[in-house]
Amino acid sequence: MSLSPKAIYDWYRETLRNPKYRWWIVLGTLAYLISPIDLLPDVIPIAGQVDDVMLVTLLVAELSQIVLEFFQKRQQVQTSNSDTTSTDAAETVDVKAVSTDA
C-alpha cells in the first residue's frame, strides 16, 4: 500500500462510505481537528491550516454526497411505491355483474 495523497483520499472516502465505520471516521476527523498534534502544526502560518482545511473540506464533501444519495434513493423508493399503487389502480377493472338466471 502506497501512502500517496490519492491512496489516502481513496481510503478515507471508502471508509467513510462504509456505514459500519462512518461514525468512527467522523469522530476521528473531529478529534484530529481539535487535537494539538497535527501532521503540520497550526503554529506554522498558512501551512499549518492547510491540512485542517483539506480534511474539513473532504469530510463535508463526502458527508453531503452521502446525504444526497440517501435522499435520492428515498425519493426513488417513494416514487416507485406511488407508481405501483397507481398502476394497480389503473389495471383494476370494475364490472357490473348481471345474473343469467331467468
N, C-alpha and C. Protein backbone atom coordinates (compact mmCIF):
# COMPACT_ATOMS: atom_id res chain seq x y z
N MET A 1 0.85 -1.18 0.00
CA MET A 1 0.00 0.00 0.00
C MET A 1 0.89 1.24 0.00
N SER A 2 0.63 2.13 -0.93
CA SER A 2 1.41 3.35 -1.00
C SER A 2 0.74 4.43 -0.15
N LEU A 3 1.51 5.39 0.25
CA LEU A 3 0.98 6.49 1.06
C LEU A 3 0.88 7.78 0.25
N SER A 4 0.49 7.64 -0.99
CA SER A 4 0.30 8.83 -1.82
C SER A 4 -0.97 9.55 -1.37
N PRO A 5 -1.08 10.82 -1.66
CA PRO A 5 -2.31 11.55 -1.30
C PRO A 5 -3.56 10.92 -1.92
N LYS A 6 -3.45 10.41 -3.14
CA LYS A 6 -4.59 9.76 -3.80
C LYS A 6 -5.01 8.50 -3.05
N ALA A 7 -4.04 7.71 -2.62
CA ALA A 7 -4.35 6.48 -1.88
C ALA A 7 -5.01 6.80 -0.54
N ILE A 8 -4.52 7.81 0.14
CA ILE A 8 -5.10 8.22 1.42
C ILE A 8 -6.52 8.75 1.22
N TYR A 9 -6.70 9.54 0.17
CA TYR A 9 -8.02 10.08 -0.14
C TYR A 9 -9.01 8.94 -0.43
N ASP A 10 -8.58 7.98 -1.26
CA ASP A 10 -9.46 6.86 -1.60
C ASP A 10 -9.82 6.04 -0.36
N TRP A 11 -8.83 5.79 0.50
CA TRP A 11 -9.08 5.03 1.72
C TRP A 11 -10.08 5.78 2.60
N TYR A 12 -9.87 7.08 2.79
CA TYR A 12 -10.75 7.90 3.63
C TYR A 12 -12.17 7.88 3.08
N ARG A 13 -12.29 8.06 1.79
CA ARG A 13 -13.61 8.11 1.15
C ARG A 13 -14.33 6.78 1.26
N GLU A 14 -13.66 5.69 0.96
CA GLU A 14 -14.29 4.37 1.02
C GLU A 14 -14.67 4.01 2.45
N THR A 15 -13.81 4.34 3.40
CA THR A 15 -14.11 4.02 4.79
C THR A 15 -15.27 4.87 5.29
N LEU A 16 -15.33 6.11 4.89
CA LEU A 16 -16.43 6.99 5.29
C LEU A 16 -17.75 6.52 4.70
N ARG A 17 -17.72 5.93 3.53
CA ARG A 17 -18.95 5.45 2.89
C ARG A 17 -19.42 4.11 3.45
N ASN A 18 -18.59 3.45 4.23
CA ASN A 18 -18.98 2.20 4.87
C ASN A 18 -19.76 2.54 6.14
N PRO A 19 -21.04 2.17 6.22
CA PRO A 19 -21.86 2.54 7.39
C PRO A 19 -21.30 2.00 8.71
N LYS A 20 -20.57 0.92 8.65
CA LYS A 20 -20.02 0.33 9.86
C LYS A 20 -18.96 1.23 10.51
N TYR A 21 -18.18 1.92 9.69
CA TYR A 21 -17.07 2.73 10.19
C TYR A 21 -17.30 4.24 10.09
N ARG A 22 -18.43 4.65 9.51
CA ARG A 22 -18.67 6.07 9.22
C ARG A 22 -18.51 6.96 10.45
N TRP A 23 -19.15 6.60 11.57
CA TRP A 23 -19.09 7.47 12.74
C TRP A 23 -17.69 7.49 13.36
N TRP A 24 -16.96 6.39 13.24
CA TRP A 24 -15.58 6.37 13.74
C TRP A 24 -14.71 7.34 12.95
N ILE A 25 -14.89 7.39 11.64
CA ILE A 25 -14.12 8.30 10.81
C ILE A 25 -14.49 9.74 11.11
N VAL A 26 -15.78 10.02 11.27
CA VAL A 26 -16.22 11.39 11.58
C VAL A 26 -15.65 11.81 12.94
N LEU A 27 -15.76 10.95 13.94
CA LEU A 27 -15.23 11.29 15.26
C LEU A 27 -13.71 11.42 15.24
N GLY A 28 -13.04 10.56 14.49
CA GLY A 28 -11.59 10.65 14.36
C GLY A 28 -11.15 11.94 13.68
N THR A 29 -11.90 12.34 12.67
CA THR A 29 -11.59 13.59 11.96
C THR A 29 -11.77 14.78 12.90
N LEU A 30 -12.87 14.79 13.64
CA LEU A 30 -13.10 15.90 14.58
C LEU A 30 -12.04 15.91 15.68
N ALA A 31 -11.64 14.74 16.15
CA ALA A 31 -10.59 14.67 17.17
C ALA A 31 -9.27 15.19 16.61
N TYR A 32 -8.96 14.87 15.37
CA TYR A 32 -7.73 15.36 14.74
C TYR A 32 -7.76 16.88 14.62
N LEU A 33 -8.92 17.43 14.27
CA LEU A 33 -9.02 18.88 14.12
C LEU A 33 -8.88 19.60 15.45
N ILE A 34 -9.37 19.00 16.53
CA ILE A 34 -9.30 19.62 17.85
C ILE A 34 -7.94 19.40 18.49
N SER A 35 -7.32 18.28 18.19
CA SER A 35 -6.06 17.89 18.81
C SER A 35 -4.92 18.86 18.48
N PRO A 36 -4.05 19.11 19.44
CA PRO A 36 -2.89 19.96 19.16
C PRO A 36 -1.82 19.22 18.35
N ILE A 37 -1.93 17.91 18.24
CA ILE A 37 -0.97 17.12 17.47
C ILE A 37 -1.49 17.00 16.05
N ASP A 38 -0.77 17.58 15.11
CA ASP A 38 -1.16 17.60 13.71
C ASP A 38 -0.02 17.12 12.82
N LEU A 39 -0.36 16.80 11.60
CA LEU A 39 0.65 16.49 10.60
C LEU A 39 1.51 17.73 10.36
N LEU A 40 0.86 18.86 10.21
CA LEU A 40 1.52 20.15 10.12
C LEU A 40 0.98 21.00 11.28
N PRO A 41 1.81 21.34 12.25
CA PRO A 41 1.32 22.11 13.41
C PRO A 41 0.68 23.43 12.99
N ASP A 42 -0.36 23.81 13.72
CA ASP A 42 -1.11 25.02 13.38
C ASP A 42 -0.33 26.30 13.64
N VAL A 43 0.78 26.22 14.37
CA VAL A 43 1.57 27.43 14.63
C VAL A 43 2.36 27.87 13.40
N ILE A 44 2.52 26.97 12.42
CA ILE A 44 3.18 27.35 11.16
C ILE A 44 2.14 28.10 10.33
N PRO A 45 2.42 29.37 10.01
CA PRO A 45 1.42 30.15 9.26
C PRO A 45 1.06 29.50 7.93
N ILE A 46 -0.15 29.54 7.60
CA ILE A 46 -0.79 29.03 6.38
C ILE A 46 -0.62 27.52 6.22
N ALA A 47 0.59 27.01 6.22
CA ALA A 47 0.81 25.57 6.02
C ALA A 47 0.15 24.77 7.14
N GLY A 48 0.12 25.32 8.35
CA GLY A 48 -0.48 24.62 9.47
C GLY A 48 -1.98 24.46 9.35
N GLN A 49 -2.62 25.38 8.66
CA GLN A 49 -4.06 25.32 8.49
C GLN A 49 -4.47 24.55 7.24
N VAL A 50 -3.53 24.35 6.32
CA VAL A 50 -3.87 23.70 5.05
C VAL A 50 -4.38 22.28 5.27
N ASP A 51 -3.69 21.49 6.11
CA ASP A 51 -4.15 20.11 6.31
C ASP A 51 -5.51 20.07 6.99
N ASP A 52 -5.76 21.00 7.91
CA ASP A 52 -7.06 21.05 8.58
C ASP A 52 -8.16 21.44 7.60
N VAL A 53 -7.91 22.42 6.77
CA VAL A 53 -8.91 22.88 5.80
C VAL A 53 -9.20 21.77 4.78
N MET A 54 -8.15 21.09 4.33
CA MET A 54 -8.36 20.00 3.37
C MET A 54 -9.19 18.88 3.99
N LEU A 55 -8.92 18.56 5.24
CA LEU A 55 -9.65 17.49 5.91
C LEU A 55 -11.11 17.87 6.13
N VAL A 56 -11.37 19.09 6.54
CA VAL A 56 -12.75 19.56 6.74
C VAL A 56 -13.49 19.57 5.41
N THR A 57 -12.82 20.04 4.35
CA THR A 57 -13.44 20.08 3.03
C THR A 57 -13.80 18.68 2.56
N LEU A 58 -12.89 17.75 2.73
CA LEU A 58 -13.14 16.37 2.33
C LEU A 58 -14.29 15.76 3.14
N LEU A 59 -14.29 15.99 4.43
CA LEU A 59 -15.35 15.46 5.29
C LEU A 59 -16.71 16.02 4.90
N VAL A 60 -16.81 17.32 4.73
CA VAL A 60 -18.09 17.95 4.37
C VAL A 60 -18.55 17.49 2.99
N ALA A 61 -17.62 17.41 2.03
CA ALA A 61 -17.99 16.98 0.68
C ALA A 61 -18.52 15.55 0.68
N GLU A 62 -17.84 14.67 1.37
CA GLU A 62 -18.26 13.27 1.38
C GLU A 62 -19.58 13.08 2.15
N LEU A 63 -19.71 13.75 3.28
CA LEU A 63 -20.96 13.63 4.04
C LEU A 63 -22.14 14.21 3.27
N SER A 64 -21.93 15.32 2.57
CA SER A 64 -23.02 15.89 1.78
C SER A 64 -23.39 14.96 0.63
N GLN A 65 -22.40 14.29 0.03
CA GLN A 65 -22.68 13.33 -1.04
C GLN A 65 -23.47 12.15 -0.51
N ILE A 66 -23.12 11.67 0.68
CA ILE A 66 -23.84 10.55 1.29
C ILE A 66 -25.29 10.95 1.57
N VAL A 67 -25.49 12.16 2.08
CA VAL A 67 -26.84 12.64 2.38
C VAL A 67 -27.65 12.79 1.09
N LEU A 68 -27.05 13.34 0.04
CA LEU A 68 -27.75 13.49 -1.24
C LEU A 68 -28.16 12.13 -1.80
N GLU A 69 -27.25 11.16 -1.75
CA GLU A 69 -27.58 9.82 -2.25
C GLU A 69 -28.71 9.19 -1.43
N PHE A 70 -28.69 9.41 -0.12
CA PHE A 70 -29.76 8.88 0.74
C PHE A 70 -31.12 9.44 0.32
N PHE A 71 -31.18 10.77 0.13
CA PHE A 71 -32.46 11.38 -0.22
C PHE A 71 -32.89 11.00 -1.63
N GLN A 72 -31.94 10.82 -2.56
CA GLN A 72 -32.31 10.38 -3.90
C GLN A 72 -32.88 8.97 -3.89
N LYS A 73 -32.25 8.08 -3.12
CA LYS A 73 -32.78 6.71 -3.01
C LYS A 73 -34.15 6.72 -2.36
N ARG A 74 -34.30 7.54 -1.33
CA ARG A 74 -35.59 7.63 -0.63
C ARG A 74 -36.68 8.13 -1.58
N GLN A 75 -36.34 9.12 -2.40
CA GLN A 75 -37.31 9.66 -3.35
C GLN A 75 -37.65 8.61 -4.41
N GLN A 76 -36.65 7.84 -4.86
CA GLN A 76 -36.91 6.80 -5.85
C GLN A 76 -37.83 5.72 -5.28
N VAL A 77 -37.61 5.36 -4.02
CA VAL A 77 -38.46 4.36 -3.38
C VAL A 77 -39.89 4.88 -3.27
N GLN A 78 -40.04 6.13 -2.86
CA GLN A 78 -41.37 6.71 -2.74
C GLN A 78 -42.04 6.80 -4.11
N THR A 79 -41.28 7.16 -5.12
CA THR A 79 -41.82 7.26 -6.47
C THR A 79 -42.23 5.89 -6.99
N SER A 80 -41.39 4.88 -6.76
CA SER A 80 -41.74 3.54 -7.23
C SER A 80 -42.93 2.98 -6.47
N ASN A 81 -43.06 3.31 -5.19
CA ASN A 81 -44.22 2.87 -4.42
C ASN A 81 -45.49 3.52 -4.92
N SER A 82 -45.43 4.82 -5.23
CA SER A 82 -46.62 5.51 -5.72
C SER A 82 -46.96 5.04 -7.13
N ASP A 83 -45.93 4.71 -7.94
CA ASP A 83 -46.20 4.18 -9.29
C ASP A 83 -46.86 2.82 -9.19
N THR A 84 -46.44 2.01 -8.25
CA THR A 84 -47.01 0.68 -8.08
C THR A 84 -48.47 0.78 -7.68
N THR A 85 -48.80 1.66 -6.76
CA THR A 85 -50.19 1.80 -6.34
C THR A 85 -51.04 2.39 -7.44
N SER A 86 -50.51 3.33 -8.20
CA SER A 86 -51.30 3.93 -9.28
C SER A 86 -51.46 2.94 -10.43
N THR A 87 -50.45 2.11 -10.70
CA THR A 87 -50.59 1.11 -11.77
C THR A 87 -51.59 0.05 -11.36
N ASP A 88 -51.60 -0.35 -10.09
CA ASP A 88 -52.58 -1.33 -9.63
C ASP A 88 -53.99 -0.77 -9.79
N ALA A 89 -54.17 0.49 -9.49
CA ALA A 89 -55.48 1.10 -9.62
C ALA A 89 -55.87 1.20 -11.09
N ALA A 90 -54.92 1.46 -11.97
CA ALA A 90 -55.21 1.60 -13.39
C ALA A 90 -55.54 0.24 -14.01
N GLU A 91 -54.99 -0.84 -13.49
CA GLU A 91 -55.23 -2.16 -14.04
C GLU A 91 -56.52 -2.79 -13.52
N THR A 92 -57.09 -2.24 -12.49
CA THR A 92 -58.32 -2.79 -11.93
C THR A 92 -59.49 -2.43 -12.84
N VAL A 93 -60.31 -3.43 -13.13
CA VAL A 93 -61.47 -3.20 -13.99
C VAL A 93 -62.73 -3.45 -13.19
N ASP A 94 -63.62 -2.48 -13.16
CA ASP A 94 -64.91 -2.66 -12.47
C ASP A 94 -65.92 -3.23 -13.47
N VAL A 95 -66.60 -4.29 -13.06
CA VAL A 95 -67.56 -4.94 -13.92
C VAL A 95 -68.88 -5.06 -13.17
N LYS A 96 -69.97 -4.75 -13.85
CA LYS A 96 -71.29 -4.95 -13.27
C LYS A 96 -71.70 -6.40 -13.53
N ALA A 97 -72.00 -7.08 -12.47
CA ALA A 97 -72.41 -8.47 -12.62
C ALA A 97 -73.90 -8.54 -12.92
N VAL A 98 -74.25 -9.31 -13.90
CA VAL A 98 -75.63 -9.49 -14.29
C VAL A 98 -75.95 -10.97 -14.19
N SER A 99 -77.05 -11.28 -13.53
CA SER A 99 -77.44 -12.66 -13.37
C SER A 99 -77.99 -13.21 -14.68
N THR A 100 -77.60 -14.42 -15.01
CA THR A 100 -78.09 -15.03 -16.24
C THR A 100 -79.26 -15.96 -15.99
N ASP A 101 -79.66 -16.13 -14.72
CA ASP A 101 -80.81 -16.98 -14.39
C ASP A 101 -82.09 -16.24 -14.78
N ALA A 102 -82.98 -16.91 -15.40
CA ALA A 102 -84.22 -16.28 -15.81
C ALA A 102 -85.37 -16.55 -14.89
